[in-house]
PDB file of N, CA and C in Angstrom:
ATOM      1  N   MET A   1      -8.921 -84.764 -12.225  1.00  0.00           N
ATOM      2  CA  MET A   1      -8.987 -84.242 -10.885  1.00  0.00           C
ATOM      3  C   MET A   1      -8.901 -82.708 -10.898  1.00  0.00           C
ATOM      4  N   PHE A   2      -7.966 -82.173 -11.664  1.00  0.00           N
ATOM      5  CA  PHE A   2      -7.822 -80.730 -11.713  1.00  0.00           C
ATOM      6  C   PHE A   2      -9.005 -80.079 -12.411  1.00  0.00           C
ATOM      7  N   ALA A   3      -9.619 -80.802 -13.323  1.00  0.00           N
ATOM      8  CA  ALA A   3     -10.798 -80.261 -14.015  1.00  0.00           C
ATOM      9  C   ALA A   3     -11.909 -79.996 -13.012  1.00  0.00           C
ATOM     10  N   PHE A   4     -12.040 -80.848 -12.017  1.00  0.00           N
ATOM     11  CA  PHE A   4     -13.060 -80.652 -10.992  1.00  0.00           C
ATOM     12  C   PHE A   4     -12.856 -79.324 -10.280  1.00  0.00           C
ATOM     13  N   PHE A   5     -11.605 -79.033  -9.923  1.00  0.00           N
ATOM     14  CA  PHE A   5     -11.317 -77.789  -9.205  1.00  0.00           C
ATOM     15  C   PHE A   5     -11.550 -76.575 -10.089  1.00  0.00           C
ATOM     16  N   ARG A   6     -11.212 -76.678 -11.384  1.00  0.00           N
ATOM     17  CA  ARG A   6     -11.458 -75.566 -12.300  1.00  0.00           C
ATOM     18  C   ARG A   6     -12.949 -75.324 -12.459  1.00  0.00           C
ATOM     19  N   LYS A   7     -13.719 -76.392 -12.556  1.00  0.00           N
ATOM     20  CA  LYS A   7     -15.170 -76.249 -12.680  1.00  0.00           C
ATOM     21  C   LYS A   7     -15.762 -75.679 -11.410  1.00  0.00           C
ATOM     22  N   ARG A   8     -15.272 -76.104 -10.266  1.00  0.00           N
ATOM     23  CA  ARG A   8     -15.761 -75.570  -8.990  1.00  0.00           C
ATOM     24  C   ARG A   8     -15.427 -74.086  -8.870  1.00  0.00           C
ATOM     25  N   ARG A   9     -14.239 -73.709  -9.352  1.00  0.00           N
ATOM     26  CA  ARG A   9     -13.831 -72.307  -9.314  1.00  0.00           C
ATOM     27  C   ARG A   9     -14.728 -71.465 -10.226  1.00  0.00           C
ATOM     28  N   ALA A  10     -15.137 -72.030 -11.359  1.00  0.00           N
ATOM     29  CA  ALA A  10     -16.022 -71.312 -12.282  1.00  0.00           C
ATOM     30  C   ALA A  10     -17.380 -71.061 -11.632  1.00  0.00           C
ATOM     31  N   ALA A  11     -17.929 -72.081 -10.975  1.00  0.00           N
ATOM     32  CA  ALA A  11     -19.215 -71.923 -10.292  1.00  0.00           C
ATOM     33  C   ALA A  11     -19.080 -70.922  -9.141  1.00  0.00           C
ATOM     34  N   ALA A  12     -17.948 -70.944  -8.450  1.00  0.00           N
ATOM     35  CA  ALA A  12     -17.723 -69.997  -7.352  1.00  0.00           C
ATOM     36  C   ALA A  12     -17.652 -68.567  -7.877  1.00  0.00           C
ATOM     37  N   GLU A  13     -17.088 -68.389  -9.060  1.00  0.00           N
ATOM     38  CA  GLU A  13     -17.030 -67.054  -9.668  1.00  0.00           C
ATOM     39  C   GLU A  13     -18.440 -66.537  -9.954  1.00  0.00           C
ATOM     40  N   LEU A  14     -19.290 -67.399 -10.489  1.00  0.00           N
ATOM     41  CA  LEU A  14     -20.670 -66.998 -10.771  1.00  0.00           C
ATOM     42  C   LEU A  14     -21.437 -66.729  -9.483  1.00  0.00           C
ATOM     43  N   ASP A  15     -21.208 -67.547  -8.470  1.00  0.00           N
ATOM     44  CA  ASP A  15     -21.849 -67.316  -7.171  1.00  0.00           C
ATOM     45  C   ASP A  15     -21.429 -65.976  -6.579  1.00  0.00           C
ATOM     46  N   ALA A  16     -20.165 -65.613  -6.764  1.00  0.00           N
ATOM     47  CA  ALA A  16     -19.672 -64.329  -6.256  1.00  0.00           C
ATOM     48  C   ALA A  16     -20.357 -63.167  -6.981  1.00  0.00           C
ATOM     49  N   LEU A  17     -20.588 -63.302  -8.282  1.00  0.00           N
ATOM     50  CA  LEU A  17     -21.291 -62.261  -9.025  1.00  0.00           C
ATOM     51  C   LEU A  17     -22.732 -62.111  -8.542  1.00  0.00           C
ATOM     52  N   ILE A  18     -23.367 -63.236  -8.230  1.00  0.00           N
ATOM     53  CA  ILE A  18     -24.733 -63.190  -7.705  1.00  0.00           C
ATOM     54  C   ILE A  18     -24.738 -62.487  -6.350  1.00  0.00           C
ATOM     55  N   SER A  19     -23.779 -62.824  -5.504  1.00  0.00           N
ATOM     56  CA  SER A  19     -23.686 -62.166  -4.195  1.00  0.00           C
ATOM     57  C   SER A  19     -23.445 -60.676  -4.336  1.00  0.00           C
ATOM     58  N   GLU A  20     -22.564 -60.311  -5.259  1.00  0.00           N
ATOM     59  CA  GLU A  20     -22.278 -58.891  -5.507  1.00  0.00           C
ATOM     60  C   GLU A  20     -23.550 -58.162  -5.948  1.00  0.00           C
ATOM     61  N   MET A  21     -24.309 -58.797  -6.817  1.00  0.00           N
ATOM     62  CA  MET A  21     -25.541 -58.190  -7.307  1.00  0.00           C
ATOM     63  C   MET A  21     -26.540 -58.011  -6.161  1.00  0.00           C
ATOM     64  N   LYS A  22     -26.677 -59.012  -5.316  1.00  0.00           N
ATOM     65  CA  LYS A  22     -27.611 -58.930  -4.192  1.00  0.00           C
ATOM     66  C   LYS A  22     -27.218 -57.833  -3.207  1.00  0.00           C
ATOM     67  N   VAL A  23     -25.929 -57.735  -2.916  1.00  0.00           N
ATOM     68  CA  VAL A  23     -25.453 -56.703  -1.995  1.00  0.00           C
ATOM     69  C   VAL A  23     -25.724 -55.321  -2.575  1.00  0.00           C
ATOM     70  N   ASN A  24     -25.456 -55.161  -3.858  1.00  0.00           N
ATOM     71  CA  ASN A  24     -25.706 -53.871  -4.501  1.00  0.00           C
ATOM     72  C   ASN A  24     -27.188 -53.524  -4.482  1.00  0.00           C
ATOM     73  N   LEU A  25     -28.038 -54.501  -4.665  1.00  0.00           N
ATOM     74  CA  LEU A  25     -29.481 -54.254  -4.596  1.00  0.00           C
ATOM     75  C   LEU A  25     -29.902 -53.859  -3.191  1.00  0.00           C
ATOM     76  N   GLU A  26     -29.372 -54.547  -2.198  1.00  0.00           N
ATOM     77  CA  GLU A  26     -29.710 -54.242  -0.811  1.00  0.00           C
ATOM     78  C   GLU A  26     -29.275 -52.832  -0.419  1.00  0.00           C
ATOM     79  N   ASN A  27     -28.163 -52.386  -1.006  1.00  0.00           N
ATOM     80  CA  ASN A  27     -27.637 -51.061  -0.681  1.00  0.00           C
ATOM     81  C   ASN A  27     -28.106 -49.993  -1.657  1.00  0.00           C
ATOM     82  N   ASN A  28     -29.005 -50.371  -2.544  1.00  0.00           N
ATOM     83  CA  ASN A  28     -29.613 -49.447  -3.506  1.00  0.00           C
ATOM     84  C   ASN A  28     -28.592 -48.856  -4.480  1.00  0.00           C
ATOM     85  N   TYR A  29     -27.574 -49.646  -4.823  1.00  0.00           N
ATOM     86  CA  TYR A  29     -26.596 -49.240  -5.832  1.00  0.00           C
ATOM     87  C   TYR A  29     -27.065 -49.779  -7.177  1.00  0.00           C
ATOM     88  N   LYS A  30     -27.920 -49.036  -7.824  1.00  0.00           N
ATOM     89  CA  LYS A  30     -28.606 -49.512  -9.018  1.00  0.00           C
ATOM     90  C   LYS A  30     -27.658 -49.812 -10.173  1.00  0.00           C
ATOM     91  N   SER A  31     -26.780 -48.889 -10.480  1.00  0.00           N
ATOM     92  CA  SER A  31     -25.897 -49.102 -11.632  1.00  0.00           C
ATOM     93  C   SER A  31     -24.937 -50.267 -11.382  1.00  0.00           C
ATOM     94  N   LEU A  32     -24.470 -50.414 -10.153  1.00  0.00           N
ATOM     95  CA  LEU A  32     -23.581 -51.535  -9.833  1.00  0.00           C
ATOM     96  C   LEU A  32     -24.324 -52.863  -9.887  1.00  0.00           C
ATOM     97  N   ALA A  33     -25.582 -52.868  -9.497  1.00  0.00           N
ATOM     98  CA  ALA A  33     -26.390 -54.084  -9.585  1.00  0.00           C
ATOM     99  C   ALA A  33     -26.582 -54.476 -11.048  1.00  0.00           C
ATOM    100  N   HIS A  34     -26.836 -53.504 -11.909  1.00  0.00           N
ATOM    101  CA  HIS A  34     -26.980 -53.778 -13.336  1.00  0.00           C
ATOM    102  C   HIS A  34     -25.673 -54.308 -13.929  1.00  0.00           C
ATOM    103  N   GLU A  35     -24.552 -53.738 -13.525  1.00  0.00           N
ATOM    104  CA  GLU A  35     -23.256 -54.195 -14.025  1.00  0.00           C
ATOM    105  C   GLU A  35     -22.980 -55.633 -13.602  1.00  0.00           C
ATOM    106  N   ALA A  36     -23.267 -55.963 -12.359  1.00  0.00           N
ATOM    107  CA  ALA A  36     -23.050 -57.323 -11.870  1.00  0.00           C
ATOM    108  C   ALA A  36     -23.965 -58.303 -12.604  1.00  0.00           C
ATOM    109  N   ARG A  37     -25.196 -57.900 -12.881  1.00  0.00           N
ATOM    110  CA  ARG A  37     -26.123 -58.754 -13.630  1.00  0.00           C
ATOM    111  C   ARG A  37     -25.593 -59.007 -15.036  1.00  0.00           C
ATOM    112  N   LYS A  38     -25.093 -57.960 -15.662  1.00  0.00           N
ATOM    113  CA  LYS A  38     -24.549 -58.085 -17.015  1.00  0.00           C
ATOM    114  C   LYS A  38     -23.335 -59.024 -17.022  1.00  0.00           C
ATOM    115  N   LYS A  39     -22.435 -58.858 -16.039  1.00  0.00           N
ATOM    116  CA  LYS A  39     -21.268 -59.724 -15.926  1.00  0.00           C
ATOM    117  C   LYS A  39     -21.687 -61.177 -15.723  1.00  0.00           C
ATOM    118  N   LEU A  40     -22.723 -61.380 -14.919  1.00  0.00           N
ATOM    119  CA  LEU A  40     -23.218 -62.733 -14.670  1.00  0.00           C
ATOM    120  C   LEU A  40     -23.650 -63.390 -15.977  1.00  0.00           C
ATOM    121  N   GLY A  41     -24.406 -62.673 -16.791  1.00  0.00           N
ATOM    122  CA  GLY A  41     -24.852 -63.220 -18.068  1.00  0.00           C
ATOM    123  C   GLY A  41     -23.696 -63.522 -19.001  1.00  0.00           C
ATOM    124  N   GLN A  42     -22.749 -62.608 -19.087  1.00  0.00           N
ATOM    125  CA  GLN A  42     -21.591 -62.796 -19.966  1.00  0.00           C
ATOM    126  C   GLN A  42     -20.727 -63.960 -19.516  1.00  0.00           C
ATOM    127  N   ARG A  43     -20.415 -63.995 -18.222  1.00  0.00           N
ATOM    128  CA  ARG A  43     -19.539 -65.063 -17.715  1.00  0.00           C
ATOM    129  C   ARG A  43     -20.210 -66.423 -17.773  1.00  0.00           C
ATOM    130  N   THR A  44     -21.514 -66.470 -17.576  1.00  0.00           N
ATOM    131  CA  THR A  44     -22.226 -67.740 -17.685  1.00  0.00           C
ATOM    132  C   THR A  44     -22.054 -68.289 -19.095  1.00  0.00           C
ATOM    133  N   GLU A  45     -22.263 -67.444 -20.090  1.00  0.00           N
ATOM    134  CA  GLU A  45     -22.110 -67.872 -21.485  1.00  0.00           C
ATOM    135  C   GLU A  45     -20.669 -68.283 -21.786  1.00  0.00           C
ATOM    136  N   GLU A  46     -19.716 -67.483 -21.332  1.00  0.00           N
ATOM    137  CA  GLU A  46     -18.305 -67.777 -21.593  1.00  0.00           C
ATOM    138  C   GLU A  46     -17.873 -69.094 -20.951  1.00  0.00           C
ATOM    139  N   LEU A  47     -18.245 -69.283 -19.697  1.00  0.00           N
ATOM    140  CA  LEU A  47     -17.837 -70.488 -18.981  1.00  0.00           C
ATOM    141  C   LEU A  47     -18.498 -71.740 -19.542  1.00  0.00           C
ATOM    142  N   TYR A  48     -19.730 -71.615 -19.983  1.00  0.00           N
ATOM    143  CA  TYR A  48     -20.412 -72.763 -20.584  1.00  0.00           C
ATOM    144  C   TYR A  48     -19.766 -73.109 -21.926  1.00  0.00           C
ATOM    145  N   ALA A  49     -19.474 -72.094 -22.729  1.00  0.00           N
ATOM    146  CA  ALA A  49     -18.838 -72.321 -24.031  1.00  0.00           C
ATOM    147  C   ALA A  49     -17.457 -72.965 -23.873  1.00  0.00           C
ATOM    148  N   ALA A  50     -16.765 -72.620 -22.790  1.00  0.00           N
ATOM    149  CA  ALA A  50     -15.433 -73.170 -22.527  1.00  0.00           C
ATOM    150  C   ALA A  50     -15.493 -74.536 -21.845  1.00  0.00           C
ATOM    151  N   GLY A  51     -16.691 -75.009 -21.513  1.00  0.00           N
ATOM    152  CA  GLY A  51     -16.839 -76.298 -20.853  1.00  0.00           C
ATOM    153  C   GLY A  51     -16.506 -76.270 -19.374  1.00  0.00           C
ATOM    154  N   MET A  52     -16.517 -75.090 -18.793  1.00  0.00           N
ATOM    155  CA  MET A  52     -16.157 -74.962 -17.383  1.00  0.00           C
ATOM    156  C   MET A  52     -17.329 -75.177 -16.438  1.00  0.00           C
ATOM    157  N   ILE A  53     -18.548 -75.097 -16.952  1.00  0.00           N
ATOM    158  CA  ILE A  53     -19.734 -75.419 -16.151  1.00  0.00           C
ATOM    159  C   ILE A  53     -20.576 -76.411 -16.937  1.00  0.00           C
ATOM    160  N   SER A  54     -21.300 -77.239 -16.227  1.00  0.00           N
ATOM    161  CA  SER A  54     -22.131 -78.266 -16.853  1.00  0.00           C
ATOM    162  C   SER A  54     -23.423 -77.659 -17.388  1.00  0.00           C
ATOM    163  N   ALA A  55     -24.153 -78.458 -18.127  1.00  0.00           N
ATOM    164  CA  ALA A  55     -25.434 -77.999 -18.676  1.00  0.00           C
ATOM    165  C   ALA A  55     -26.422 -77.662 -17.565  1.00  0.00           C
ATOM    166  N   SER A  56     -26.425 -78.451 -16.499  1.00  0.00           N
ATOM    167  CA  SER A  56     -27.354 -78.164 -15.393  1.00  0.00           C
ATOM    168  C   SER A  56     -26.963 -76.876 -14.674  1.00  0.00           C
ATOM    169  N   GLU A  57     -25.668 -76.654 -14.513  1.00  0.00           N
ATOM    170  CA  GLU A  57     -25.227 -75.396 -13.901  1.00  0.00           C
ATOM    171  C   GLU A  57     -25.553 -74.221 -14.819  1.00  0.00           C
ATOM    172  N   TYR A  58     -25.388 -74.430 -16.118  1.00  0.00           N
ATOM    173  CA  TYR A  58     -25.717 -73.385 -17.082  1.00  0.00           C
ATOM    174  C   TYR A  58     -27.193 -73.004 -16.964  1.00  0.00           C
ATOM    175  N   GLU A  59     -28.051 -73.989 -16.881  1.00  0.00           N
ATOM    176  CA  GLU A  59     -29.494 -73.732 -16.732  1.00  0.00           C
ATOM    177  C   GLU A  59     -29.779 -72.979 -15.433  1.00  0.00           C
ATOM    178  N   LYS A  60     -29.117 -73.388 -14.368  1.00  0.00           N
ATOM    179  CA  LYS A  60     -29.309 -72.743 -13.067  1.00  0.00           C
ATOM    180  C   LYS A  60     -28.925 -71.270 -13.129  1.00  0.00           C
ATOM    181  N   TYR A  61     -27.733 -70.985 -13.624  1.00  0.00           N
ATOM    182  CA  TYR A  61     -27.261 -69.602 -13.664  1.00  0.00           C
ATOM    183  C   TYR A  61     -27.994 -68.769 -14.703  1.00  0.00           C
ATOM    184  N   SER A  62     -28.398 -69.388 -15.795  1.00  0.00           N
ATOM    185  CA  SER A  62     -29.191 -68.670 -16.803  1.00  0.00           C
ATOM    186  C   SER A  62     -30.551 -68.278 -16.247  1.00  0.00           C
ATOM    187  N   SER A  63     -31.162 -69.163 -15.468  1.00  0.00           N
ATOM    188  CA  SER A  63     -32.469 -68.829 -14.892  1.00  0.00           C
ATOM    189  C   SER A  63     -32.329 -67.727 -13.838  1.00  0.00           C
ATOM    190  N   ILE A  64     -31.238 -67.734 -13.082  1.00  0.00           N
ATOM    191  CA  ILE A  64     -30.998 -66.655 -12.114  1.00  0.00           C
ATOM    192  C   ILE A  64     -30.802 -65.342 -12.859  1.00  0.00           C
ATOM    193  N   PHE A  65     -30.036 -65.377 -13.952  1.00  0.00           N
ATOM    194  CA  PHE A  65     -29.829 -64.182 -14.769  1.00  0.00           C
ATOM    195  C   PHE A  65     -31.160 -63.662 -15.305  1.00  0.00           C
ATOM    196  N   THR A  66     -31.994 -64.544 -15.812  1.00  0.00           N
ATOM    197  CA  THR A  66     -33.301 -64.157 -16.347  1.00  0.00           C
ATOM    198  C   THR A  66     -34.183 -63.575 -15.257  1.00  0.00           C
ATOM    199  N   GLU A  67     -34.172 -64.192 -14.091  1.00  0.00           N
ATOM    200  CA  GLU A  67     -34.966 -63.721 -12.952  1.00  0.00           C
ATOM    201  C   GLU A  67     -34.571 -62.297 -12.560  1.00  0.00           C
ATOM    202  N   TYR A  68     -33.269 -62.050 -12.446  1.00  0.00           N
ATOM    203  CA  TYR A  68     -32.813 -60.718 -12.064  1.00  0.00           C
ATOM    204  C   TYR A  68     -32.977 -59.705 -13.198  1.00  0.00           C
ATOM    205  N   THR A  69     -32.899 -60.154 -14.438  1.00  0.00           N
ATOM    206  CA  THR A  69     -33.155 -59.259 -15.564  1.00  0.00           C
ATOM    207  C   THR A  69     -34.585 -58.752 -15.490  1.00  0.00           C
ATOM    208  N   GLU A  70     -35.507 -59.640 -15.218  1.00  0.00           N
ATOM    209  CA  GLU A  70     -36.915 -59.253 -15.087  1.00  0.00           C
ATOM    210  C   GLU A  70     -37.108 -58.326 -13.878  1.00  0.00           C
ATOM    211  N   MET A  71     -36.454 -58.642 -12.774  1.00  0.00           N
ATOM    212  CA  MET A  71     -36.594 -57.846 -11.565  1.00  0.00           C
ATOM    213  C   MET A  71     -36.025 -56.436 -11.754  1.00  0.00           C
ATOM    214  N   LEU A  72     -34.936 -56.327 -12.506  1.00  0.00           N
ATOM    215  CA  LEU A  72     -34.248 -55.055 -12.641  1.00  0.00           C
ATOM    216  C   LEU A  72     -34.673 -54.231 -13.856  1.00  0.00           C
ATOM    217  N   LYS A  73     -35.625 -54.722 -14.631  1.00  0.00           N
ATOM    218  CA  LYS A  73     -35.962 -54.007 -15.861  1.00  0.00           C
ATOM    219  C   LYS A  73     -36.470 -52.586 -15.604  1.00  0.00           C
ATOM    220  N   ASP A  74     -37.139 -52.331 -14.506  1.00  0.00           N
ATOM    221  CA  ASP A  74     -37.609 -50.996 -14.173  1.00  0.00           C
ATOM    222  C   ASP A  74     -36.828 -50.378 -13.018  1.00  0.00           C
ATOM    223  N   TYR A  75     -35.684 -50.946 -12.739  1.00  0.00           N
ATOM    224  CA  TYR A  75     -34.865 -50.527 -11.591  1.00  0.00           C
ATOM    225  C   TYR A  75     -33.710 -49.678 -12.109  1.00  0.00           C
ATOM    226  N   HIS A  76     -33.950 -48.378 -12.226  1.00  0.00           N
ATOM    227  CA  HIS A  76     -32.923 -47.471 -12.699  1.00  0.00           C
ATOM    228  C   HIS A  76     -33.064 -46.137 -12.002  1.00  0.00           C
ATOM    229  N   HIS A  77     -32.165 -45.245 -12.283  1.00  0.00           N
ATOM    230  CA  HIS A  77     -32.134 -43.932 -11.603  1.00  0.00           C
ATOM    231  C   HIS A  77     -33.310 -43.081 -11.967  1.00  0.00           C
TER     232      HIS A  77
END
């Protein structure tokens, strides 16, 4: 039962990073958007390795990370 809540908290953490990245993009905070994207990639890997997110969630967050990596590749100062 508690594992469910820990896993839900892990997904909520990743969702918060995605929201942070989107807000930074909307406000044209380029370096902060890049930092949030980097954190998203790192935390996705860490949480998956720790068993805190499922394989399907890992695929979902990895594809979002890849999508934003492609979008932000030419997005700098």
